[in-house]
Amino acid sequence: MGYSNQDKIEWTLIFVSAFGQQFGLTLKQAFNYLSRYQGIDFIDRHYGYVHTQSFQSMIDDISEYCHRKGGELV
């Protein structure tokens, strides 16, 4: 199923904001962290799945994914 870029961008922006709040990061810091440790790429590749899950579940899963890629936040 195809999703519009606008839908993906809006969901991702809200997710990045929630991720930042969870870890006490600004929006820019959260985006940079997720970019550096491939979280944004994961969201892009698996958007069909991730946007159907709760933000808390995805924060937990993507923080663990980024940790496996070298990130320090868990």
C-alpha atoms as a PDB file:
ATOM      1  CA  MET A   1       0.000   0.000   0.000  1.00  0.00           C
ATOM      2  CA  GLY A   2       1.335   3.428  -0.889  1.00  0.00           C
ATOM      3  CA  TYR A   3       1.453   6.256   1.609  1.00  0.00           C
ATOM      4  CA  SER A   4       1.795   9.909   0.751  1.00  0.00           C
ATOM      5  CA  ASN A   5       5.034  11.655   1.601  1.00  0.00           C
ATOM      6  CA  GLN A   6       3.028  14.199   3.596  1.00  0.00           C
ATOM      7  CA  ASP A   7       1.535  11.462   5.800  1.00  0.00           C
ATOM      8  CA  LYS A   8       4.961   9.922   6.380  1.00  0.00           C
ATOM      9  CA  ILE A   9       6.541  13.290   7.180  1.00  0.00           C
ATOM     10  CA  GLU A  10       3.761  14.305   9.579  1.00  0.00           C
ATOM     11  CA  TRP A  11       3.843  10.991  11.454  1.00  0.00           C
ATOM     12  CA  THR A  12       7.643  11.024  11.588  1.00  0.00           C
ATOM     13  CA  LEU A  13       7.735  14.586  12.923  1.00  0.00           C
ATOM     14  CA  ILE A  14       5.259  13.731  15.680  1.00  0.00           C
ATOM     15  CA  PHE A  15       7.260  10.592  16.480  1.00  0.00           C
ATOM     16  CA  VAL A  16      10.567  12.480  16.636  1.00  0.00           C
ATOM     17  CA  SER A  17       8.972  14.995  18.999  1.00  0.00           C
ATOM     18  CA  ALA A  18       7.659  12.209  21.273  1.00  0.00           C
ATOM     19  CA  PHE A  19      11.046  10.457  21.138  1.00  0.00           C
ATOM     20  CA  GLY A  20      12.770  13.679  22.163  1.00  0.00           C
ATOM     21  CA  GLN A  21      10.385  14.220  25.058  1.00  0.00           C
ATOM     22  CA  GLN A  22      11.025  10.685  26.293  1.00  0.00           C
ATOM     23  CA  PHE A  23      14.771  11.308  26.435  1.00  0.00           C
ATOM     24  CA  GLY A  24      14.849  15.027  27.270  1.00  0.00           C
ATOM     25  CA  LEU A  25      16.070  16.081  23.817  1.00  0.00           C
ATOM     26  CA  THR A  26      15.114  19.017  21.642  1.00  0.00           C
ATOM     27  CA  LEU A  27      13.447  18.231  18.337  1.00  0.00           C
ATOM     28  CA  LYS A  28      16.728  18.899  16.524  1.00  0.00           C
ATOM     29  CA  GLN A  29      18.726  16.683  18.894  1.00  0.00           C
ATOM     30  CA  ALA A  30      16.187  13.864  18.587  1.00  0.00           C
ATOM     31  CA  PHE A  31      16.183  14.084  14.786  1.00  0.00           C
ATOM     32  CA  ASN A  32      19.986  14.134  14.632  1.00  0.00           C
ATOM     33  CA  TYR A  33      20.223  11.122  16.955  1.00  0.00           C
ATOM     34  CA  LEU A  34      17.642   9.150  14.984  1.00  0.00           C
ATOM     35  CA  SER A  35      19.353  10.065  11.723  1.00  0.00           C
ATOM     36  CA  ARG A  36      22.819   9.149  12.972  1.00  0.00           C
ATOM     37  CA  TYR A  37      21.755   5.754  14.305  1.00  0.00           C
ATOM     38  CA  GLN A  38      19.467   4.880  11.375  1.00  0.00           C
ATOM     39  CA  GLY A  39      16.132   5.267  13.181  1.00  0.00           C
ATOM     40  CA  ILE A  40      14.767   7.630  10.530  1.00  0.00           C
ATOM     41  CA  ASP A  41      15.806   5.186   7.813  1.00  0.00           C
ATOM     42  CA  PHE A  42      14.073   2.370   9.712  1.00  0.00           C
ATOM     43  CA  ILE A  43      10.875   4.414   9.943  1.00  0.00           C
ATOM     44  CA  ASP A  44      11.021   5.222   6.246  1.00  0.00           C
ATOM     45  CA  ARG A  45      11.570   1.610   5.202  1.00  0.00           C
ATOM     46  CA  HIS A  46       8.946   0.162   7.582  1.00  0.00           C
ATOM     47  CA  TYR A  47       6.400   2.971   7.705  1.00  0.00           C
ATOM     48  CA  GLY A  48       3.534   0.605   6.870  1.00  0.00           C
ATOM     49  CA  TYR A  49       4.153  -1.160  10.183  1.00  0.00           C
ATOM     50  CA  VAL A  50       5.474   1.555  12.480  1.00  0.00           C
ATOM     51  CA  HIS A  51       2.622   4.002  11.957  1.00  0.00           C
ATOM     52  CA  THR A  52       0.116   1.387  13.169  1.00  0.00           C
ATOM     53  CA  GLN A  53       1.867   0.942  16.530  1.00  0.00           C
ATOM     54  CA  SER A  54       1.647   3.124  19.638  1.00  0.00           C
ATOM     55  CA  PHE A  55       4.233   5.856  19.936  1.00  0.00           C
ATOM     56  CA  GLN A  56       5.486   4.383  23.220  1.00  0.00           C
ATOM     57  CA  SER A  57       5.957   0.969  21.660  1.00  0.00           C
ATOM     58  CA  MET A  58       7.838   2.464  18.722  1.00  0.00           C
ATOM     59  CA  ILE A  59       9.955   4.694  20.978  1.00  0.00           C
ATOM     60  CA  ASP A  60      10.998   1.583  22.895  1.00  0.00           C
ATOM     61  CA  ASP A  61      11.658  -0.428  19.733  1.00  0.00           C
ATOM     62  CA  ILE A  62      13.494   2.277  17.801  1.00  0.00           C
ATOM     63  CA  SER A  63      15.588   3.314  20.792  1.00  0.00           C
ATOM     64  CA  GLU A  64      16.688  -0.324  21.090  1.00  0.00           C
ATOM     65  CA  TYR A  65      17.349  -0.458  17.336  1.00  0.00           C
ATOM     66  CA  CYS A  66      19.474   2.713  17.536  1.00  0.00           C
ATOM     67  CA  HIS A  67      21.291   1.293  20.561  1.00  0.00           C
ATOM     68  CA  ARG A  68      22.271  -1.766  18.504  1.00  0.00           C
ATOM     69  CA  LYS A  69      23.624   0.677  15.890  1.00  0.00           C
ATOM     70  CA  GLY A  70      25.816   2.425  18.486  1.00  0.00           C
ATOM     71  CA  GLY A  71      23.439   4.909  20.125  1.00  0.00           C
ATOM     72  CA  GLU A  72      23.676   5.510  23.856  1.00  0.00           C
ATOM     73  CA  LEU A  73      19.981   6.102  24.655  1.00  0.00           C
ATOM     74  CA  VAL A  74      17.894   3.174  25.880  1.00  0.00           C
END
